[in-house]
Amino acid sequence: MSNRDIFARIARRYDLINKFLSLGRDQAWRREGVAHLPSGRVLDLGSGTGAAAAVFAGRQVVALDPSAQMLGLNPIPWRVAAYGERLPFATGSFEGVFSAFVVRNLTSLPETLREVGRVLRPGGAAVFVDLGRPRGRLARGLHRLGTLLVLPLVGLLFGALREYWYLHKSLDKLPPPEMLYSDKGVSHLEVEKVWRMGPLGFVYGVVLRKV
């Protein structure tokens, strides 16, 4: 089953499950990321059902997601079904790019970052908010055990066992953000800030600036 199929299957339950798993903190994490965006036109990359729509504070936003089922539930007026690795926009179309809880599901992060760098205007910023393992061996071990126990149980309760077993595995798919964005061979994008949020710091934010 592809990532697009996974999220299409749980589209109507997706935001409810995320709110449950984050103890209602998911919007606060998105809001903290959006606060680092410049003013102007923003691309919501991997917008899904539009969970971030409420935190964009009146910005002009274009929602992009590969799942038409997810976009069908999205309240953002401008919606495009496409992949992050092949953005259907002209060079320099946006002042900002925002993406929350999407990176682990991309086919290719380097290709997506190249596209993000292309569609950003000089001086623009891309902000990524996502999940990962905490720093420190003990914290990582505790978090891994917790997701191993909790995520399949939550998936079972919401009728999405396969999808949330996938989420547990995806948390070990990529290196920590401090390494992940540091050297991708992407011209014109520089890491400006990385910070941690949530219990044990398992949620991160990163700001990439186009120079």
C-alpha atoms as a PDB file:
ATOM      1  CA  MET A   1       0.000   0.000   0.000  1.00  0.00           C
ATOM      2  CA  SER A   2       1.426   3.412  -1.004  1.00  0.00           C
ATOM      3  CA  ASN A   3       1.566   6.414   1.310  1.00  0.00           C
ATOM      4  CA  ARG A   4      -1.185   8.044  -0.746  1.00  0.00           C
ATOM      5  CA  ASP A   5      -3.425   4.995  -0.268  1.00  0.00           C
ATOM      6  CA  ILE A   6      -2.686   4.924   3.464  1.00  0.00           C
ATOM      7  CA  PHE A   7      -3.816   8.495   4.011  1.00  0.00           C
ATOM      8  CA  ALA A   8      -6.766   8.228   1.637  1.00  0.00           C
ATOM      9  CA  ARG A   9      -8.090   5.347   3.746  1.00  0.00           C
ATOM     10  CA  ILE A  10      -8.009   7.306   7.007  1.00  0.00           C
ATOM     11  CA  ALA A  11      -8.756  10.796   5.642  1.00  0.00           C
ATOM     12  CA  ARG A  12     -11.920  11.373   7.685  1.00  0.00           C
ATOM     13  CA  ARG A  13     -10.327  10.170  10.933  1.00  0.00           C
ATOM     14  CA  TYR A  14      -6.838  11.582  10.422  1.00  0.00           C
ATOM     15  CA  ASP A  15      -7.160  14.912  12.280  1.00  0.00           C
ATOM     16  CA  LEU A  16      -9.090  13.347  15.166  1.00  0.00           C
ATOM     17  CA  ILE A  17      -6.420  10.666  15.664  1.00  0.00           C
ATOM     18  CA  ASN A  18      -3.598  13.217  15.510  1.00  0.00           C
ATOM     19  CA  LYS A  19      -5.314  15.419  18.082  1.00  0.00           C
ATOM     20  CA  PHE A  20      -5.763  12.384  20.342  1.00  0.00           C
ATOM     21  CA  LEU A  21      -2.118  11.301  19.997  1.00  0.00           C
ATOM     22  CA  SER A  22      -0.740  14.809  20.567  1.00  0.00           C
ATOM     23  CA  LEU A  23      -3.016  15.429  23.575  1.00  0.00           C
ATOM     24  CA  GLY A  24      -4.411  18.403  21.677  1.00  0.00           C
ATOM     25  CA  ARG A  25      -1.016  20.058  21.115  1.00  0.00           C
ATOM     26  CA  ASP A  26      -0.716  19.538  17.341  1.00  0.00           C
ATOM     27  CA  GLN A  27      -2.127  22.974  16.466  1.00  0.00           C
ATOM     28  CA  ALA A  28       0.213  24.698  18.931  1.00  0.00           C
ATOM     29  CA  TRP A  29       3.164  23.018  17.205  1.00  0.00           C
ATOM     30  CA  ARG A  30       1.895  24.125  13.792  1.00  0.00           C
ATOM     31  CA  ARG A  31       1.341  27.656  15.092  1.00  0.00           C
ATOM     32  CA  GLU A  32       4.901  27.854  16.381  1.00  0.00           C
ATOM     33  CA  GLY A  33       6.186  26.830  12.957  1.00  0.00           C
ATOM     34  CA  VAL A  34       3.958  29.274  11.044  1.00  0.00           C
ATOM     35  CA  ALA A  35       5.256  32.109  13.246  1.00  0.00           C
ATOM     36  CA  HIS A  36       8.627  31.758  11.456  1.00  0.00           C
ATOM     37  CA  LEU A  37       7.139  32.318   7.981  1.00  0.00           C
ATOM     38  CA  PRO A  38       7.553  35.671   6.229  1.00  0.00           C
ATOM     39  CA  SER A  39       4.509  37.598   5.089  1.00  0.00           C
ATOM     40  CA  GLY A  40       3.197  36.856   1.611  1.00  0.00           C
ATOM     41  CA  ARG A  41       1.990  33.860  -0.344  1.00  0.00           C
ATOM     42  CA  VAL A  42       2.502  30.453   1.314  1.00  0.00           C
ATOM     43  CA  LEU A  43       2.504  26.902  -0.004  1.00  0.00           C
ATOM     44  CA  ASP A  44       1.104  24.388   2.506  1.00  0.00           C
ATOM     45  CA  LEU A  45       3.053  21.336   1.364  1.00  0.00           C
ATOM     46  CA  GLY A  46       1.301  18.089   2.280  1.00  0.00           C
ATOM     47  CA  SER A  47      -1.728  20.062   3.420  1.00  0.00           C
ATOM     48  CA  GLY A  48      -3.972  16.990   3.710  1.00  0.00           C
ATOM     49  CA  THR A  49      -7.345  17.880   5.224  1.00  0.00           C
ATOM     50  CA  GLY A  50      -6.160  21.417   5.962  1.00  0.00           C
ATOM     51  CA  ALA A  51      -5.425  21.084   9.668  1.00  0.00           C
ATOM     52  CA  ALA A  52      -3.096  24.090   9.467  1.00  0.00           C
ATOM     53  CA  ALA A  53      -5.700  26.342   7.808  1.00  0.00           C
ATOM     54  CA  ALA A  54      -6.732  27.891  11.120  1.00  0.00           C
ATOM     55  CA  VAL A  55      -3.188  28.976  12.037  1.00  0.00           C
ATOM     56  CA  PHE A  56      -2.249  30.791   8.818  1.00  0.00           C
ATOM     57  CA  ALA A  57      -3.782  34.038  10.114  1.00  0.00           C
ATOM     58  CA  GLY A  58      -5.269  35.404   6.906  1.00  0.00           C
ATOM     59  CA  ARG A  59      -2.327  34.599   4.633  1.00  0.00           C
ATOM     60  CA  GLN A  60      -2.857  33.679   0.989  1.00  0.00           C
ATOM     61  CA  VAL A  61      -2.300  29.924   1.066  1.00  0.00           C
ATOM     62  CA  VAL A  62      -2.151  27.254  -1.618  1.00  0.00           C
ATOM     63  CA  ALA A  63      -2.790  23.720  -0.331  1.00  0.00           C
ATOM     64  CA  LEU A  64      -0.915  20.885  -2.029  1.00  0.00           C
ATOM     65  CA  ASP A  65      -1.296  17.170  -1.340  1.00  0.00           C
ATOM     66  CA  PRO A  66      -1.101  13.967  -3.437  1.00  0.00           C
ATOM     67  CA  SER A  67      -4.349  12.637  -1.919  1.00  0.00           C
ATOM     68  CA  ALA A  68      -7.484  13.948  -3.618  1.00  0.00           C
ATOM     69  CA  GLN A  69      -9.546  12.391  -0.810  1.00  0.00           C
ATOM     70  CA  MET A  70      -7.700  14.462   1.786  1.00  0.00           C
ATOM     71  CA  LEU A  71      -7.937  17.652  -0.286  1.00  0.00           C
ATOM     72  CA  GLY A  72     -11.671  17.095  -0.659  1.00  0.00           C
ATOM     73  CA  LEU A  73     -11.971  17.759   3.082  1.00  0.00           C
ATOM     74  CA  ASN A  74      -9.615  20.747   3.014  1.00  0.00           C
ATOM     75  CA  PRO A  75     -11.169  24.211   3.661  1.00  0.00           C
ATOM     76  CA  ILE A  76      -8.383  26.147   1.900  1.00  0.00           C
ATOM     77  CA  PRO A  77      -9.894  27.552  -1.340  1.00  0.00           C
ATOM     78  CA  TRP A  78      -6.795  27.037  -3.525  1.00  0.00           C
ATOM     79  CA  ARG A  79      -6.014  23.302  -3.645  1.00  0.00           C
ATOM     80  CA  VAL A  80      -3.676  21.336  -5.928  1.00  0.00           C
ATOM     81  CA  ALA A  81      -3.247  17.547  -6.089  1.00  0.00           C
ATOM     82  CA  ALA A  82       0.466  16.951  -6.701  1.00  0.00           C
ATOM     83  CA  TYR A  83       3.659  15.614  -5.144  1.00  0.00           C
ATOM     84  CA  GLY A  84       6.314  17.589  -3.282  1.00  0.00           C
ATOM     85  CA  GLU A  85       8.980  16.122  -5.542  1.00  0.00           C
ATOM     86  CA  ARG A  86       7.316  17.735  -8.603  1.00  0.00           C
ATOM     87  CA  LEU A  87       5.747  21.055  -7.640  1.00  0.00           C
ATOM     88  CA  PRO A  88       3.554  22.439 -10.460  1.00  0.00           C
ATOM     89  CA  PHE A  89       4.444  26.092  -9.834  1.00  0.00           C
ATOM     90  CA  ALA A  90       6.693  28.638 -11.486  1.00  0.00           C
ATOM     91  CA  THR A  91      10.076  29.518 -10.009  1.00  0.00           C
ATOM     92  CA  GLY A  92       9.797  32.107  -7.238  1.00  0.00           C
ATOM     93  CA  SER A  93       6.049  31.690  -6.733  1.00  0.00           C
ATOM     94  CA  PHE A  94       6.006  31.828  -2.916  1.00  0.00           C
ATOM     95  CA  GLU A  95       7.430  33.831  -0.033  1.00  0.00           C
ATOM     96  CA  GLY A  96       6.976  30.860   2.309  1.00  0.00           C
ATOM     97  CA  VAL A  97       6.553  27.084   2.308  1.00  0.00           C
ATOM     98  CA  PHE A  98       5.089  25.286   5.314  1.00  0.00           C
ATOM     99  CA  SER A  99       4.938  21.546   5.893  1.00  0.00           C
ATOM    100  CA  ALA A 100       3.749  19.734   9.030  1.00  0.00           C
ATOM    101  CA  PHE A 101       4.114  15.995   9.704  1.00  0.00           C
ATOM    102  CA  VAL A 102       4.885  15.189   6.073  1.00  0.00           C
ATOM    103  CA  VAL A 103       8.654  14.680   5.703  1.00  0.00           C
ATOM    104  CA  ARG A 104       8.653  10.994   6.752  1.00  0.00           C
ATOM    105  CA  ASN A 105       6.128  10.238   4.006  1.00  0.00           C
ATOM    106  CA  LEU A 106       8.015  11.828   1.119  1.00  0.00           C
ATOM    107  CA  THR A 107       9.472   9.583  -1.567  1.00  0.00           C
ATOM    108  CA  SER A 108      12.559  11.818  -1.767  1.00  0.00           C
ATOM    109  CA  LEU A 109      13.392  14.617   0.653  1.00  0.00           C
ATOM    110  CA  PRO A 110      16.328  15.916  -1.468  1.00  0.00           C
ATOM    111  CA  GLU A 111      14.093  16.238  -4.546  1.00  0.00           C
ATOM    112  CA  THR A 112      11.388  17.944  -2.503  1.00  0.00           C
ATOM    113  CA  LEU A 113      13.872  20.405  -1.002  1.00  0.00           C
ATOM    114  CA  ARG A 114      15.207  21.219  -4.457  1.00  0.00           C
ATOM    115  CA  GLU A 115      11.649  21.972  -5.578  1.00  0.00           C
ATOM    116  CA  VAL A 116      10.976  24.012  -2.445  1.00  0.00           C
ATOM    117  CA  GLY A 117      14.126  26.033  -3.100  1.00  0.00           C
ATOM    118  CA  ARG A 118      13.012  26.594  -6.674  1.00  0.00           C
ATOM    119  CA  VAL A 119       9.493  27.889  -5.894  1.00  0.00           C
ATOM    120  CA  LEU A 120      10.665  30.144  -3.040  1.00  0.00           C
ATOM    121  CA  ARG A 121      11.605  33.736  -3.752  1.00  0.00           C
ATOM    122  CA  PRO A 122      15.044  34.940  -2.576  1.00  0.00           C
ATOM    123  CA  GLY A 123      14.869  35.649   1.148  1.00  0.00           C
ATOM    124  CA  GLY A 124      11.856  33.383   1.545  1.00  0.00           C
ATOM    125  CA  ALA A 125      11.654  30.647   4.150  1.00  0.00           C
ATOM    126  CA  ALA A 126      10.516  27.056   4.357  1.00  0.00           C
ATOM    127  CA  VAL A 127       9.370  25.720   7.735  1.00  0.00           C
ATOM    128  CA  PHE A 128       9.076  22.013   8.443  1.00  0.00           C
ATOM    129  CA  VAL A 129       7.424  20.611  11.575  1.00  0.00           C
ATOM    130  CA  ASP A 130       7.616  16.865  12.032  1.00  0.00           C
ATOM    131  CA  LEU A 131       8.083  13.930  14.377  1.00  0.00           C
ATOM    132  CA  GLY A 132      11.286  12.083  15.152  1.00  0.00           C
ATOM    133  CA  ARG A 133      13.000  10.240  17.942  1.00  0.00           C
ATOM    134  CA  PRO A 134      14.193  12.336  20.913  1.00  0.00           C
ATOM    135  CA  ARG A 135      17.846  13.107  21.490  1.00  0.00           C
ATOM    136  CA  GLY A 136      19.689  10.919  23.977  1.00  0.00           C
ATOM    137  CA  ARG A 137      19.842   7.125  24.095  1.00  0.00           C
ATOM    138  CA  LEU A 138      17.540   6.720  27.099  1.00  0.00           C
ATOM    139  CA  ALA A 139      14.906   9.129  25.773  1.00  0.00           C
ATOM    140  CA  ARG A 140      14.992   7.456  22.356  1.00  0.00           C
ATOM    141  CA  GLY A 141      14.573   4.014  23.928  1.00  0.00           C
ATOM    142  CA  LEU A 142      11.630   5.126  26.063  1.00  0.00           C
ATOM    143  CA  HIS A 143       9.984   6.834  23.109  1.00  0.00           C
ATOM    144  CA  ARG A 144      10.480   3.800  20.845  1.00  0.00           C
ATOM    145  CA  LEU A 145       8.914   1.521  23.456  1.00  0.00           C
ATOM    146  CA  GLY A 146       6.041   3.950  23.933  1.00  0.00           C
ATOM    147  CA  THR A 147       5.195   4.200  20.237  1.00  0.00           C
ATOM    148  CA  LEU A 148       5.545   0.434  19.854  1.00  0.00           C
ATOM    149  CA  LEU A 149       2.847  -0.040  22.496  1.00  0.00           C
ATOM    150  CA  VAL A 150       0.614   2.993  21.997  1.00  0.00           C
ATOM    151  CA  LEU A 151       0.414   3.543  18.234  1.00  0.00           C
ATOM    152  CA  PRO A 152      -0.856   0.059  17.256  1.00  0.00           C
ATOM    153  CA  LEU A 153      -3.397   0.249  20.099  1.00  0.00           C
ATOM    154  CA  VAL A 154      -4.654   3.629  18.897  1.00  0.00           C
ATOM    155  CA  GLY A 155      -4.766   2.316  15.340  1.00  0.00           C
ATOM    156  CA  LEU A 156      -6.821  -0.646  16.515  1.00  0.00           C
ATOM    157  CA  LEU A 157      -9.262   1.605  18.379  1.00  0.00           C
ATOM    158  CA  PHE A 158      -9.743   3.821  15.327  1.00  0.00           C
ATOM    159  CA  GLY A 159      -9.808   0.991  12.786  1.00  0.00           C
ATOM    160  CA  ALA A 160      -6.429   1.922  11.283  1.00  0.00           C
ATOM    161  CA  LEU A 161      -4.001  -0.653  12.710  1.00  0.00           C
ATOM    162  CA  ARG A 162      -1.854  -0.965   9.578  1.00  0.00           C
ATOM    163  CA  GLU A 163      -1.586   2.787   9.125  1.00  0.00           C
ATOM    164  CA  TYR A 164      -0.434   3.483  12.665  1.00  0.00           C
ATOM    165  CA  TRP A 165       1.995   0.567  12.711  1.00  0.00           C
ATOM    166  CA  TYR A 166       3.482   2.318   9.679  1.00  0.00           C
ATOM    167  CA  LEU A 167       3.759   5.529  11.737  1.00  0.00           C
ATOM    168  CA  HIS A 168       5.747   3.719  14.441  1.00  0.00           C
ATOM    169  CA  LYS A 169       8.195   2.380  11.850  1.00  0.00           C
ATOM    170  CA  SER A 170       8.491   5.719  10.045  1.00  0.00           C
ATOM    171  CA  LEU A 171       9.898   7.381  13.167  1.00  0.00           C
ATOM    172  CA  ASP A 172      13.130   5.429  12.637  1.00  0.00           C
ATOM    173  CA  LYS A 173      13.231   6.050   8.893  1.00  0.00           C
ATOM    174  CA  LEU A 174      15.259   9.274   8.930  1.00  0.00           C
ATOM    175  CA  PRO A 175      18.178  10.736  10.920  1.00  0.00           C
ATOM    176  CA  PRO A 176      17.533  13.502  13.483  1.00  0.00           C
ATOM    177  CA  PRO A 177      16.701  16.928  12.046  1.00  0.00           C
ATOM    178  CA  GLU A 178      20.033  18.365  13.138  1.00  0.00           C
ATOM    179  CA  MET A 179      21.594  16.044  10.508  1.00  0.00           C
ATOM    180  CA  LEU A 180      18.693  15.568   8.096  1.00  0.00           C
ATOM    181  CA  TYR A 181      18.632  19.085   6.646  1.00  0.00           C
ATOM    182  CA  SER A 182      22.311  19.953   6.996  1.00  0.00           C
ATOM    183  CA  ASP A 183      23.720  18.523   3.770  1.00  0.00           C
ATOM    184  CA  LYS A 184      21.298  17.651   1.002  1.00  0.00           C
ATOM    185  CA  GLY A 185      23.139  19.203  -1.935  1.00  0.00           C
ATOM    186  CA  VAL A 186      20.354  21.754  -2.214  1.00  0.00           C
ATOM    187  CA  SER A 187      21.563  25.087  -3.528  1.00  0.00           C
ATOM    188  CA  HIS A 188      20.180  28.344  -2.085  1.00  0.00           C
ATOM    189  CA  LEU A 189      18.628  26.780   1.063  1.00  0.00           C
ATOM    190  CA  GLU A 190      20.387  27.184   4.399  1.00  0.00           C
ATOM    191  CA  VAL A 191      19.365  25.906   7.828  1.00  0.00           C
ATOM    192  CA  GLU A 192      18.528  28.954   9.935  1.00  0.00           C
ATOM    193  CA  LYS A 193      17.057  27.327  13.051  1.00  0.00           C
ATOM    194  CA  VAL A 194      16.213  23.912  14.506  1.00  0.00           C
ATOM    195  CA  TRP A 195      14.204  23.530  17.706  1.00  0.00           C
ATOM    196  CA  ARG A 196      12.440  20.785  19.661  1.00  0.00           C
ATOM    197  CA  MET A 197       8.903  20.619  21.071  1.00  0.00           C
ATOM    198  CA  GLY A 198       6.646  18.135  22.830  1.00  0.00           C
ATOM    199  CA  PRO A 199       7.367  15.502  25.503  1.00  0.00           C
ATOM    200  CA  LEU A 200      11.017  14.395  25.363  1.00  0.00           C
ATOM    201  CA  GLY A 201      11.458  16.678  22.331  1.00  0.00           C
ATOM    202  CA  PHE A 202      10.033  14.190  19.821  1.00  0.00           C
ATOM    203  CA  VAL A 203       8.532  17.016  17.698  1.00  0.00           C
ATOM    204  CA  TYR A 204      10.900  19.314  15.851  1.00  0.00           C
ATOM    205  CA  GLY A 205      10.784  22.483  13.794  1.00  0.00           C
ATOM    206  CA  VAL A 206      13.317  23.671  11.234  1.00  0.00           C
ATOM    207  CA  VAL A 207      13.577  26.913   9.271  1.00  0.00           C
ATOM    208  CA  LEU A 208      15.343  26.879   5.883  1.00  0.00           C
ATOM    209  CA  ARG A 209      16.131  30.230   4.305  1.00  0.00           C
ATOM    210  CA  LYS A 210      16.604  30.823   0.558  1.00  0.00           C
ATOM    211  CA  VAL A 211      19.694  32.950   0.039  1.00  0.00           C
END
